[in-house]
N, C-alpha and C. Protein backbone atom coordinates (compact mmCIF):
# COMPACT_ATOMS: atom_id res chain seq x y z
N MET A 1 76.75 90.00 107.28
CA MET A 1 75.70 89.56 106.44
C MET A 1 76.09 88.69 105.16
N VAL A 2 77.26 89.28 104.71
CA VAL A 2 77.56 88.48 103.36
C VAL A 2 77.90 86.99 103.84
N PHE A 3 78.69 86.86 104.86
CA PHE A 3 79.15 85.43 105.21
C PHE A 3 77.94 84.58 105.76
N MET A 4 76.85 85.23 106.42
CA MET A 4 75.73 84.59 106.70
C MET A 4 75.04 83.96 105.61
N LEU A 5 74.92 84.84 104.40
CA LEU A 5 74.29 84.42 103.29
C LEU A 5 74.97 83.29 102.62
N PHE A 6 76.49 83.35 102.66
CA PHE A 6 77.19 82.29 102.02
C PHE A 6 77.29 80.94 102.73
N ALA A 7 77.09 81.24 104.16
CA ALA A 7 77.35 80.03 104.93
C ALA A 7 76.13 78.94 104.53
N GLN A 8 75.05 79.46 103.97
CA GLN A 8 73.93 78.57 103.69
C GLN A 8 74.29 77.80 102.25
N VAL A 9 75.27 78.20 101.55
CA VAL A 9 75.61 77.55 100.31
C VAL A 9 76.88 76.94 100.34
N PRO A 10 76.93 75.45 100.38
CA PRO A 10 78.12 74.59 100.48
C PRO A 10 79.08 75.17 99.35
N ILE A 11 80.40 75.05 99.53
CA ILE A 11 81.40 75.25 98.53
C ILE A 11 81.92 73.75 98.06
N GLN A 12 81.53 73.54 96.77
CA GLN A 12 81.94 72.19 96.36
C GLN A 12 83.28 72.10 95.77
N ALA A 13 83.96 71.02 96.06
CA ALA A 13 85.35 70.88 95.38
C ALA A 13 85.14 70.94 93.95
N ARG A 14 86.18 71.60 93.38
CA ARG A 14 86.25 71.65 91.97
C ARG A 14 87.62 71.88 91.42
N ALA A 15 87.82 71.85 90.09
CA ALA A 15 89.07 72.11 89.56
C ALA A 15 89.22 73.59 89.42
N CYS A 16 90.55 73.94 89.03
CA CYS A 16 90.74 75.38 89.12
C CYS A 16 90.02 76.09 88.00
N ASP A 17 89.26 77.12 88.14
CA ASP A 17 88.65 77.77 87.31
C ASP A 17 89.21 79.20 86.87
N LEU A 18 90.12 79.50 87.71
CA LEU A 18 90.76 80.80 87.44
C LEU A 18 92.16 80.96 88.00
N ALA A 19 93.10 81.29 86.91
CA ALA A 19 94.60 81.69 87.37
C ALA A 19 94.47 83.21 87.26
N LEU A 20 94.89 84.07 88.21
CA LEU A 20 94.82 85.39 88.24
C LEU A 20 96.10 86.06 88.73
N VAL A 21 96.88 86.77 87.99
CA VAL A 21 98.06 87.55 88.15
C VAL A 21 97.59 88.88 88.51
N LEU A 22 98.06 89.40 89.74
CA LEU A 22 97.89 90.74 90.19
C LEU A 22 99.30 91.54 89.91
N ALA A 23 99.25 92.55 89.04
CA ALA A 23 100.32 93.17 88.62
C ALA A 23 100.22 94.51 89.09
N VAL A 24 101.06 94.97 89.98
CA VAL A 24 101.08 96.25 90.82
C VAL A 24 102.26 97.09 90.32
N ASP A 25 101.90 98.41 90.00
CA ASP A 25 102.94 99.45 89.57
C ASP A 25 103.69 100.00 90.90
N VAL A 26 105.02 99.75 90.67
CA VAL A 26 105.91 100.37 91.63
C VAL A 26 106.98 101.32 91.14
N SER A 27 106.54 102.00 90.12
CA SER A 27 107.29 102.97 89.24
C SER A 27 107.62 104.10 90.13
N GLY A 28 108.55 105.10 89.63
CA GLY A 28 108.93 106.16 90.49
C GLY A 28 107.72 107.28 90.71
N SER A 29 106.74 107.13 89.93
CA SER A 29 105.61 108.04 90.21
C SER A 29 104.76 107.56 91.40
N VAL A 30 105.05 106.53 91.96
CA VAL A 30 104.43 106.03 93.14
C VAL A 30 105.18 106.25 94.30
N ASP A 31 104.70 106.96 95.26
CA ASP A 31 105.58 107.36 96.33
C ASP A 31 105.37 106.30 97.47
N VAL A 32 105.96 106.47 98.76
CA VAL A 32 105.94 105.50 99.67
C VAL A 32 104.47 105.23 100.28
N GLU A 33 103.75 106.27 100.62
CA GLU A 33 102.33 106.26 100.98
C GLU A 33 101.45 105.55 100.06
N GLU A 34 101.67 106.02 98.79
CA GLU A 34 100.85 105.31 97.59
C GLU A 34 100.98 103.94 97.48
N TYR A 35 102.36 103.39 97.55
CA TYR A 35 102.72 102.07 97.54
C TYR A 35 101.95 101.22 98.73
N ARG A 36 101.90 101.86 99.80
CA ARG A 36 101.23 101.11 101.01
C ARG A 36 99.75 101.04 100.71
N THR A 37 99.14 102.18 100.11
CA THR A 37 97.65 102.26 99.93
C THR A 37 97.42 101.14 98.91
N GLN A 38 98.26 100.91 97.91
CA GLN A 38 97.94 99.90 96.88
C GLN A 38 97.92 98.38 97.56
N MET A 39 99.10 98.30 98.21
CA MET A 39 99.23 96.89 98.88
C MET A 39 98.06 96.59 99.75
N GLU A 40 97.79 97.46 100.68
CA GLU A 40 96.83 97.39 101.77
C GLU A 40 95.48 97.28 101.21
N GLY A 41 95.30 98.18 100.17
CA GLY A 41 93.89 98.02 99.58
C GLY A 41 93.68 96.80 98.79
N LEU A 42 94.61 96.33 98.05
CA LEU A 42 94.56 94.96 97.38
C LEU A 42 94.27 93.89 98.40
N ALA A 43 95.08 93.83 99.42
CA ALA A 43 94.78 92.86 100.50
C ALA A 43 93.52 92.91 100.96
N ALA A 44 92.95 94.03 101.30
CA ALA A 44 91.56 94.05 101.79
C ALA A 44 90.37 93.70 100.92
N ALA A 45 90.84 93.99 99.49
CA ALA A 45 89.86 93.60 98.53
C ALA A 45 89.72 92.18 98.26
N LEU A 46 90.89 91.40 98.45
CA LEU A 46 90.82 90.02 98.46
C LEU A 46 90.07 89.36 99.70
N GLN A 47 89.91 90.00 100.67
CA GLN A 47 89.11 89.62 101.92
C GLN A 47 87.72 89.98 101.99
N ASP A 48 87.28 90.93 100.75
CA ASP A 48 85.77 91.20 100.73
C ASP A 48 85.02 89.91 100.55
N GLY A 49 83.93 89.92 101.18
CA GLY A 49 83.14 88.62 101.33
C GLY A 49 82.72 88.10 100.01
N VAL A 50 82.28 88.82 99.01
CA VAL A 50 81.78 88.25 97.72
C VAL A 50 83.14 87.86 96.91
N VAL A 51 84.29 88.76 96.95
CA VAL A 51 85.39 88.41 96.20
C VAL A 51 85.90 87.10 96.78
N ALA A 52 86.08 86.97 98.18
CA ALA A 52 86.65 85.74 98.59
C ALA A 52 85.86 84.53 98.29
N GLU A 53 84.63 84.72 98.41
CA GLU A 53 83.82 83.51 98.07
C GLU A 53 83.87 83.17 96.59
N ALA A 54 83.96 83.98 95.72
CA ALA A 54 84.05 83.71 94.28
C ALA A 54 85.52 83.06 94.09
N LEU A 55 86.55 83.46 94.69
CA LEU A 55 87.92 82.83 94.51
C LEU A 55 88.01 81.44 95.06
N VAL A 56 87.35 81.31 96.33
CA VAL A 56 87.40 79.87 96.72
C VAL A 56 86.41 78.97 96.01
N ARG A 57 85.30 79.39 95.57
CA ARG A 57 84.43 78.77 94.55
C ARG A 57 85.32 78.32 93.38
N ALA A 58 86.02 79.33 92.96
CA ALA A 58 86.80 78.97 91.61
C ALA A 58 88.10 78.18 91.85
N GLN A 59 88.38 77.87 93.12
CA GLN A 59 89.70 77.25 93.44
C GLN A 59 90.77 77.96 92.78
N ALA A 60 90.82 79.21 92.86
CA ALA A 60 91.77 80.13 91.98
C ALA A 60 93.20 79.99 92.45
N ARG A 61 93.98 80.14 91.53
CA ARG A 61 95.48 80.38 91.70
C ARG A 61 95.71 81.73 91.52
N ILE A 62 96.51 82.38 92.52
CA ILE A 62 96.70 83.78 92.42
C ILE A 62 98.21 84.10 92.77
N ALA A 63 98.70 84.98 91.73
CA ALA A 63 100.04 85.41 91.95
C ALA A 63 100.29 86.91 92.04
N LEU A 64 101.37 87.49 92.59
CA LEU A 64 101.52 88.86 92.79
C LEU A 64 102.82 89.23 91.89
N ILE A 65 102.73 90.17 90.97
CA ILE A 65 104.04 90.84 90.38
C ILE A 65 104.05 92.34 90.65
N GLN A 66 105.19 92.74 90.97
CA GLN A 66 105.49 94.09 91.12
C GLN A 66 106.32 94.48 89.89
N TRP A 67 106.01 95.62 89.29
CA TRP A 67 106.69 95.96 88.07
C TRP A 67 106.99 97.51 87.96
N SER A 68 107.98 97.79 87.41
CA SER A 68 108.53 99.16 87.32
C SER A 68 108.98 99.26 85.75
N GLY A 69 110.28 99.85 85.55
CA GLY A 69 110.88 99.99 84.20
C GLY A 69 111.29 98.74 83.64
N SER A 70 112.10 98.86 82.46
CA SER A 70 112.52 97.95 81.72
C SER A 70 113.55 96.94 82.61
N GLY A 71 113.44 95.76 82.57
CA GLY A 71 114.30 94.80 83.31
C GLY A 71 113.99 94.71 84.86
N ARG A 72 112.93 95.58 85.26
CA ARG A 72 112.63 95.68 86.69
C ARG A 72 111.15 95.17 87.04
N GLN A 73 110.92 93.80 86.76
CA GLN A 73 109.77 93.12 87.03
C GLN A 73 109.97 91.98 87.90
N GLU A 74 109.24 91.67 88.91
CA GLU A 74 109.40 90.55 89.64
C GLU A 74 108.29 89.73 89.97
N VAL A 75 108.22 88.48 90.28
CA VAL A 75 107.18 87.66 90.99
C VAL A 75 107.44 87.89 92.52
N THR A 76 106.70 88.57 93.11
CA THR A 76 106.73 88.88 94.54
C THR A 76 106.12 87.72 95.23
N ILE A 77 105.11 87.14 94.83
CA ILE A 77 104.50 86.09 95.52
C ILE A 77 103.93 85.12 94.31
N SER A 78 104.48 83.78 94.25
CA SER A 78 104.22 82.95 93.18
C SER A 78 102.97 82.22 93.57
N TRP A 79 102.35 81.47 92.62
CA TRP A 79 100.97 80.82 92.74
C TRP A 79 100.62 80.48 94.14
N ARG A 80 99.54 80.81 94.50
CA ARG A 80 98.88 80.50 95.66
C ARG A 80 97.51 79.85 95.52
N HIS A 81 97.15 78.80 96.13
CA HIS A 81 95.86 78.26 95.87
C HIS A 81 95.01 78.82 96.90
N ALA A 82 93.73 79.34 96.32
CA ALA A 82 92.70 79.87 97.07
C ALA A 82 91.78 78.72 97.44
N SER A 83 92.30 77.72 98.16
CA SER A 83 91.55 76.46 98.63
C SER A 83 90.45 76.76 99.63
N ASP A 84 90.66 77.76 100.50
CA ASP A 84 89.66 78.12 101.50
C ASP A 84 89.98 79.54 102.03
N PHE A 85 89.14 80.17 102.86
CA PHE A 85 89.17 81.47 103.46
C PHE A 85 90.40 81.70 104.14
N ARG A 86 90.92 80.53 104.82
CA ARG A 86 92.16 80.83 105.57
C ARG A 86 93.43 81.00 104.64
N SER A 87 93.49 80.43 103.52
CA SER A 87 94.51 80.58 102.69
C SER A 87 94.47 82.00 102.02
N LEU A 88 93.25 82.41 101.69
CA LEU A 88 93.15 83.87 101.24
C LEU A 88 93.64 84.84 102.30
N ASP A 89 93.25 84.62 103.57
CA ASP A 89 93.64 85.49 104.66
C ASP A 89 95.20 85.55 104.68
N GLN A 90 95.81 84.49 104.47
CA GLN A 90 97.24 84.45 104.58
C GLN A 90 97.80 85.12 103.35
N LEU A 91 97.36 84.91 102.16
CA LEU A 91 97.79 85.68 100.95
C LEU A 91 97.58 87.13 101.12
N ALA A 92 96.51 87.65 101.72
CA ALA A 92 96.22 88.97 101.92
C ALA A 92 97.30 89.52 102.83
N ALA A 93 97.54 88.88 103.89
CA ALA A 93 98.49 89.25 104.90
C ALA A 93 99.95 89.39 104.19
N ASP A 94 100.25 88.58 103.54
CA ASP A 94 101.64 88.53 102.78
C ASP A 94 101.57 89.66 101.61
N ILE A 95 100.51 89.97 100.94
CA ILE A 95 100.51 91.03 100.12
C ILE A 95 100.66 92.37 100.83
N ALA A 96 100.00 92.54 101.98
CA ALA A 96 99.97 93.70 102.77
C ALA A 96 101.41 94.04 103.24
N ALA A 97 102.18 92.90 103.57
CA ALA A 97 103.48 93.11 104.12
C ALA A 97 104.50 93.00 103.12
N ALA A 98 104.27 93.01 101.86
CA ALA A 98 105.33 92.64 100.92
C ALA A 98 106.32 93.99 100.82
N PRO A 99 107.59 93.68 100.72
CA PRO A 99 108.55 94.75 100.43
C PRO A 99 108.42 95.26 99.13
N ARG A 100 108.88 96.52 98.85
CA ARG A 100 108.96 97.08 97.59
C ARG A 100 110.22 96.76 97.05
N PRO A 101 110.36 96.25 95.79
CA PRO A 101 111.71 96.00 95.26
C PRO A 101 112.40 97.13 94.62
N TRP A 102 111.70 98.23 94.10
CA TRP A 102 112.31 99.33 93.36
C TRP A 102 111.60 100.52 93.64
N ARG A 103 112.35 101.72 93.46
CA ARG A 103 111.82 103.10 93.52
C ARG A 103 112.52 103.85 92.31
N ASN A 104 111.83 104.84 92.02
CA ASN A 104 112.56 105.89 90.97
C ASN A 104 112.95 105.46 89.73
N TYR A 105 112.23 104.54 89.20
CA TYR A 105 112.35 103.87 87.84
C TYR A 105 111.08 104.14 87.04
N ALA A 106 111.25 103.82 85.79
CA ALA A 106 110.29 104.13 84.66
C ALA A 106 109.11 103.19 84.74
N THR A 107 108.30 103.21 83.51
CA THR A 107 107.10 102.50 83.65
C THR A 107 107.16 101.45 82.50
N GLY A 108 107.24 100.33 82.61
CA GLY A 108 107.35 99.16 81.51
C GLY A 108 106.19 98.26 81.53
N ILE A 109 104.97 98.69 81.03
CA ILE A 109 103.77 97.91 81.24
C ILE A 109 104.06 96.51 80.38
N GLY A 110 104.57 96.79 79.02
CA GLY A 110 104.74 95.57 78.18
C GLY A 110 105.57 94.38 78.82
N GLU A 111 106.56 94.71 79.44
CA GLU A 111 107.36 93.89 80.18
C GLU A 111 106.71 93.00 81.28
N ALA A 112 106.10 94.00 82.04
CA ALA A 112 105.14 93.38 83.15
C ALA A 112 104.07 92.28 82.44
N LEU A 113 103.49 92.54 81.48
CA LEU A 113 102.61 91.61 80.77
C LEU A 113 103.41 90.42 80.31
N GLN A 114 104.56 90.55 79.74
CA GLN A 114 105.33 89.50 79.41
C GLN A 114 105.76 88.49 80.42
N LEU A 115 106.09 89.03 81.57
CA LEU A 115 106.39 88.25 82.79
C LEU A 115 105.04 87.47 83.29
N ALA A 116 103.99 88.28 83.22
CA ALA A 116 102.73 87.59 83.62
C ALA A 116 102.22 86.57 82.81
N ILE A 117 102.55 86.60 81.56
CA ILE A 117 102.29 85.58 80.56
C ILE A 117 103.02 84.45 80.85
N GLU A 118 104.33 84.47 81.25
CA GLU A 118 105.20 83.34 81.57
C GLU A 118 104.62 82.50 82.61
N GLN A 119 103.95 83.26 83.77
CA GLN A 119 103.57 82.56 84.93
C GLN A 119 102.48 81.39 84.45
N PHE A 120 101.74 81.73 83.62
CA PHE A 120 100.59 80.73 83.30
C PHE A 120 100.95 79.33 82.88
N GLN A 121 102.22 79.10 82.48
CA GLN A 121 102.81 77.96 81.97
C GLN A 121 102.75 76.93 83.10
N THR A 122 102.86 77.36 84.36
CA THR A 122 102.83 76.37 85.50
C THR A 122 101.41 76.16 86.04
N VAL A 123 100.30 76.78 85.41
CA VAL A 123 99.08 76.36 86.00
C VAL A 123 98.16 76.18 84.65
N PRO A 124 98.53 75.00 83.95
CA PRO A 124 97.94 74.64 82.69
C PRO A 124 96.45 74.18 82.87
N GLY A 125 96.13 73.80 84.12
CA GLY A 125 94.78 73.25 84.28
C GLY A 125 93.66 74.22 84.60
N CYS A 126 94.02 75.51 84.75
CA CYS A 126 93.06 76.51 84.97
C CYS A 126 92.19 77.03 83.77
N ARG A 127 90.95 77.08 83.98
CA ARG A 127 90.10 77.38 82.72
C ARG A 127 90.21 78.88 82.15
N ARG A 128 90.25 79.81 83.25
CA ARG A 128 90.32 81.19 82.73
C ARG A 128 91.84 81.74 83.20
N ARG A 129 92.41 82.53 82.37
CA ARG A 129 93.60 83.30 82.73
C ARG A 129 93.49 84.71 82.62
N VAL A 130 93.77 85.35 83.75
CA VAL A 130 93.45 86.83 83.76
C VAL A 130 94.64 87.52 84.31
N ILE A 131 95.16 88.55 83.75
CA ILE A 131 96.02 89.54 84.25
C ILE A 131 95.26 90.81 84.78
N ASP A 132 95.48 91.17 86.07
CA ASP A 132 94.80 92.37 86.62
C ASP A 132 96.09 93.29 86.79
N VAL A 133 96.21 94.25 85.97
CA VAL A 133 97.30 95.18 85.98
C VAL A 133 96.71 96.56 86.38
N SER A 134 97.49 97.12 87.34
CA SER A 134 97.04 98.53 87.90
C SER A 134 98.35 99.46 87.64
N GLY A 135 98.03 100.80 87.39
CA GLY A 135 99.08 101.65 87.22
C GLY A 135 98.65 103.11 87.10
N ASP A 136 99.62 104.11 87.17
CA ASP A 136 99.25 105.48 87.21
C ASP A 136 99.87 106.22 86.11
N GLY A 137 100.41 105.56 85.08
CA GLY A 137 101.12 106.23 83.99
C GLY A 137 101.20 105.38 82.70
N LEU A 138 101.57 106.25 81.68
CA LEU A 138 101.72 105.53 80.38
C LEU A 138 102.99 104.75 80.39
N SER A 139 102.98 103.67 79.56
CA SER A 139 104.17 103.09 79.50
C SER A 139 105.21 103.80 78.67
N ASN A 140 106.51 104.04 79.17
CA ASN A 140 107.56 104.80 78.64
C ASN A 140 108.84 104.19 78.55
N GLU A 141 108.97 102.80 78.69
CA GLU A 141 110.27 102.18 78.54
C GLU A 141 109.97 100.61 78.18
N GLY A 142 110.68 100.18 77.39
CA GLY A 142 110.67 98.78 77.02
C GLY A 142 109.65 98.37 75.91
N VAL A 143 109.26 97.30 75.98
CA VAL A 143 108.14 96.76 75.04
C VAL A 143 106.93 97.49 75.17
N GLU A 144 106.41 97.86 74.12
CA GLU A 144 105.02 98.49 74.20
C GLU A 144 103.97 97.46 74.58
N PRO A 145 102.99 97.78 75.27
CA PRO A 145 101.90 96.76 75.68
C PRO A 145 101.27 96.19 74.59
N ALA A 146 100.89 97.05 73.60
CA ALA A 146 100.21 96.49 72.42
C ALA A 146 100.91 95.45 71.64
N ALA A 147 102.39 95.47 71.70
CA ALA A 147 103.13 94.46 71.05
C ALA A 147 103.08 93.09 71.67
N VAL A 148 102.41 93.08 72.70
CA VAL A 148 102.42 91.60 73.49
C VAL A 148 100.99 91.07 73.16
N ARG A 149 100.25 91.68 72.45
CA ARG A 149 98.89 91.19 72.22
C ARG A 149 98.89 89.73 71.55
N GLY A 150 99.97 89.54 70.59
CA GLY A 150 100.04 88.27 70.09
C GLY A 150 100.26 87.20 71.04
N ALA A 151 101.06 87.33 71.83
CA ALA A 151 101.51 86.29 72.97
C ALA A 151 100.24 86.27 73.93
N LEU A 152 99.49 87.26 74.22
CA LEU A 152 98.38 87.11 75.11
C LEU A 152 97.36 86.32 74.45
N GLY A 153 97.11 86.56 73.17
CA GLY A 153 96.09 85.60 72.40
C GLY A 153 96.40 84.14 72.48
N ALA A 154 97.88 83.86 72.09
CA ALA A 154 98.19 82.49 72.02
C ALA A 154 98.09 81.92 73.23
N ALA A 155 98.28 82.43 74.47
CA ALA A 155 98.29 81.93 75.67
C ALA A 155 96.84 81.96 76.30
N GLY A 156 95.91 82.62 75.65
CA GLY A 156 94.41 82.58 76.05
C GLY A 156 94.28 83.36 77.32
N VAL A 157 94.97 84.59 77.37
CA VAL A 157 94.96 85.33 78.58
C VAL A 157 94.18 86.64 78.35
N THR A 158 93.42 87.09 79.18
CA THR A 158 92.55 88.30 79.31
C THR A 158 93.31 89.38 80.31
N VAL A 159 93.40 90.52 79.79
CA VAL A 159 93.97 91.62 80.55
C VAL A 159 93.07 92.67 80.94
N ASN A 160 92.71 92.83 82.18
CA ASN A 160 91.95 94.08 82.63
C ASN A 160 92.77 94.96 83.25
N ALA A 161 92.49 96.30 83.34
CA ALA A 161 93.42 97.26 83.95
C ALA A 161 92.72 98.26 84.94
N LEU A 162 93.49 98.81 85.86
CA LEU A 162 93.00 99.75 86.85
C LEU A 162 93.76 100.98 86.65
N ALA A 163 93.17 101.99 86.11
CA ALA A 163 93.97 103.22 85.83
C ALA A 163 93.70 104.30 86.96
N ILE A 164 94.90 104.59 87.48
CA ILE A 164 94.92 105.49 88.71
C ILE A 164 95.21 106.86 88.02
N GLU A 165 94.31 107.77 87.90
CA GLU A 165 94.38 109.07 87.14
C GLU A 165 94.95 110.18 87.99
N GLU A 166 95.88 109.97 88.81
CA GLU A 166 96.37 110.81 89.80
C GLU A 166 97.04 112.10 88.92
N SER A 167 97.81 111.68 88.04
CA SER A 167 98.47 112.64 87.28
C SER A 167 98.32 112.43 85.72
N GLU A 168 97.57 111.58 85.23
CA GLU A 168 97.32 111.25 83.91
C GLU A 168 95.85 111.20 83.66
N PRO A 169 95.17 112.39 83.41
CA PRO A 169 93.81 112.31 83.31
C PRO A 169 93.06 111.46 82.09
N ASP A 170 94.04 111.23 81.04
CA ASP A 170 93.58 110.35 79.95
C ASP A 170 94.02 108.84 80.02
N LEU A 171 94.40 108.61 81.29
CA LEU A 171 94.93 107.16 81.40
C LEU A 171 93.98 106.11 81.07
N THR A 172 92.72 106.25 81.49
CA THR A 172 91.68 105.16 81.20
C THR A 172 91.66 104.99 79.77
N ALA A 173 91.68 105.99 78.88
CA ALA A 173 91.64 105.69 77.45
C ALA A 173 92.73 105.15 76.88
N TYR A 174 93.92 105.42 77.42
CA TYR A 174 95.12 104.73 76.96
C TYR A 174 95.16 103.24 77.34
N PHE A 175 94.75 102.98 78.55
CA PHE A 175 94.57 101.59 78.88
C PHE A 175 93.58 100.85 78.12
N PHE A 176 92.51 101.51 77.82
CA PHE A 176 91.49 101.04 77.03
C PHE A 176 92.12 100.53 75.55
N GLU A 177 92.89 101.61 75.03
CA GLU A 177 93.37 101.44 73.57
C GLU A 177 94.70 100.50 73.45
N GLN A 178 95.45 100.64 74.54
CA GLN A 178 96.72 99.97 74.41
C GLN A 178 97.00 98.80 75.23
N VAL A 179 96.28 98.57 76.43
CA VAL A 179 96.70 97.60 77.35
C VAL A 179 95.70 96.50 77.59
N ILE A 180 94.36 96.59 77.73
CA ILE A 180 93.54 95.70 77.91
C ILE A 180 93.38 94.84 76.77
N PHE A 181 93.03 93.37 76.80
CA PHE A 181 92.97 92.58 75.75
C PHE A 181 91.91 91.23 76.28
N GLY A 182 91.30 90.84 75.18
CA GLY A 182 90.46 89.69 75.50
C GLY A 182 89.02 90.04 75.47
N ALA A 183 88.14 88.99 75.33
CA ALA A 183 86.74 89.24 75.54
C ALA A 183 86.22 89.80 76.84
N ASP A 184 85.53 90.76 76.83
CA ASP A 184 84.93 91.41 77.98
C ASP A 184 85.99 92.21 78.66
N ALA A 185 87.20 92.35 78.26
CA ALA A 185 88.23 93.04 78.94
C ALA A 185 87.67 94.40 79.19
N PHE A 186 88.17 95.06 80.49
CA PHE A 186 87.66 96.42 80.78
C PHE A 186 88.67 97.16 81.56
N VAL A 187 88.49 98.37 81.79
CA VAL A 187 89.28 99.29 82.56
C VAL A 187 88.41 99.89 83.70
N GLN A 188 88.93 99.86 84.92
CA GLN A 188 88.37 100.28 86.07
C GLN A 188 89.13 101.67 86.42
N THR A 189 88.49 102.71 86.79
CA THR A 189 89.16 103.95 86.94
C THR A 189 89.13 104.40 88.32
N ALA A 190 90.28 104.86 89.02
CA ALA A 190 90.40 105.51 90.20
C ALA A 190 90.77 106.90 89.98
N ALA A 191 90.18 107.93 90.49
CA ALA A 191 90.55 109.33 90.27
C ALA A 191 91.98 109.56 90.80
N GLY A 192 92.37 108.86 91.96
CA GLY A 192 93.60 109.11 92.65
C GLY A 192 93.88 107.99 93.42
N PHE A 193 95.08 107.86 94.29
CA PHE A 193 95.38 106.85 94.91
C PHE A 193 94.48 106.56 96.29
N GLU A 194 93.82 107.75 96.65
CA GLU A 194 92.94 107.54 97.67
C GLU A 194 91.72 106.75 97.29
N ASP A 195 91.42 106.55 96.13
CA ASP A 195 90.35 105.90 95.66
C ASP A 195 90.71 104.53 95.09
N TYR A 196 91.95 104.13 95.27
CA TYR A 196 92.50 102.87 94.82
C TYR A 196 91.67 101.73 95.64
N PRO A 197 91.61 101.64 96.79
CA PRO A 197 91.01 100.58 97.76
C PRO A 197 89.61 100.19 97.15
N GLN A 198 88.81 101.17 96.95
CA GLN A 198 87.44 100.84 96.56
C GLN A 198 87.43 100.57 95.05
N ALA A 199 88.42 101.08 94.25
CA ALA A 199 88.36 100.68 92.90
C ALA A 199 88.81 99.42 92.57
N ILE A 200 89.82 98.92 93.35
CA ILE A 200 90.39 97.54 93.23
C ILE A 200 89.39 96.52 93.76
N ARG A 201 88.49 96.96 94.68
CA ARG A 201 87.34 95.95 95.02
C ARG A 201 86.36 95.75 94.00
N LYS A 202 86.14 96.89 93.44
CA LYS A 202 85.10 96.89 92.37
C LYS A 202 85.58 96.07 91.16
N LYS A 203 86.80 96.38 90.81
CA LYS A 203 87.41 95.54 89.73
C LYS A 203 87.42 93.98 90.00
N LEU A 204 87.79 93.74 91.16
CA LEU A 204 87.75 92.20 91.40
C LEU A 204 86.40 91.68 91.43
N LEU A 205 85.41 92.41 92.00
CA LEU A 205 84.02 91.97 91.92
C LEU A 205 83.81 91.83 90.48
N ARG A 206 83.91 92.65 89.54
CA ARG A 206 83.64 92.52 88.27
C ARG A 206 84.41 91.36 87.46
N GLU A 207 85.52 91.29 87.59
CA GLU A 207 86.35 90.19 86.83
C GLU A 207 86.42 88.89 87.66
N VAL A 208 85.96 88.67 88.79
CA VAL A 208 86.11 87.50 89.54
C VAL A 208 84.69 87.01 89.90
N ALA A 209 83.99 87.85 90.82
CA ALA A 209 82.74 87.42 91.23
C ALA A 209 81.60 87.34 90.16
N GLN A 210 81.53 88.26 89.17
CA GLN A 210 80.58 88.11 88.14
C GLN A 210 80.69 87.06 87.10
N GLN A 211 81.80 86.33 87.18
CA GLN A 211 81.98 85.19 86.41
C GLN A 211 81.60 83.85 87.03
N ASN A 212 81.26 84.01 88.25
CA ASN A 212 80.70 82.90 89.11
C ASN A 212 79.22 82.99 89.09
N ALA A 213 78.53 82.00 88.38
CA ALA A 213 76.99 82.09 88.33
C ALA A 213 76.44 82.01 89.64
N GLY A 214 77.01 81.42 90.62
CA GLY A 214 76.46 81.15 91.95
C GLY A 214 76.44 82.36 92.62
N LEU A 215 77.23 83.40 92.23
CA LEU A 215 77.40 84.68 93.11
C LEU A 215 76.73 85.93 92.48
N GLY A 216 76.38 85.79 91.06
CA GLY A 216 76.06 86.95 90.42
C GLY A 216 74.82 87.68 91.00
N SER A 217 73.87 86.92 91.50
CA SER A 217 72.63 87.55 92.05
C SER A 217 72.96 88.33 93.22
N PHE A 218 73.95 88.19 93.91
CA PHE A 218 74.29 89.02 95.27
C PHE A 218 74.87 90.44 94.89
N LEU A 219 75.55 90.63 93.54
CA LEU A 219 76.24 91.77 93.47
C LEU A 219 75.50 92.99 93.27
N THR A 220 74.30 92.95 92.89
CA THR A 220 73.43 94.20 92.66
C THR A 220 73.06 94.73 94.24
N ALA A 221 73.19 93.78 95.11
CA ALA A 221 72.64 94.34 96.41
C ALA A 221 73.80 94.61 97.23
N ILE A 222 75.06 94.59 96.94
CA ILE A 222 76.27 95.01 97.68
C ILE A 222 76.87 96.22 97.07
N PRO A 223 77.11 97.17 97.87
CA PRO A 223 77.74 98.49 97.43
C PRO A 223 79.22 98.40 97.08
């Protein structure tokens, strides 16, 4: 039904409206099954009809970072251009199949944000810059996330967060106070990893699709 609606609305060529860094927690508190839940849930969310439409309309650039403790942050997938639905399908497949670089290390949210900020230097033409960071714990190693706010502001970057409250019931409040940054920044909550796929879909709908005026009217009708 979603694609039938969108098929009636042509996608016009436009400049890049969004550069989006997806930053996924692979610290020691995330087990093998939970890692797969995150990657497969993220891949499925990118293929959601409304999210995919918004990303293609925005001609978005999307990158994937996996992060753990201090010194253990990597760009797993560098910038991809969401030029059409086929390119998004390929990105989703690559995310779902991405290998995990580390296990059994600490949680360094500040350094993950620093690495994400650096990536925007290579996509200077994109109007909006957003870091989508998800995690299940407090930052406990390396640079504190709040210490990165000056660099975020200088780079014009917004940070939204997904708090997985599997073992940290106050994580949403911590992310709200210490991690998110920028106008209209927000925290999406997942009670546990089993809720991650639905939560990341809702998060992307909010931070990607609601910014697209051509799609906003669809959102209230889609669960």
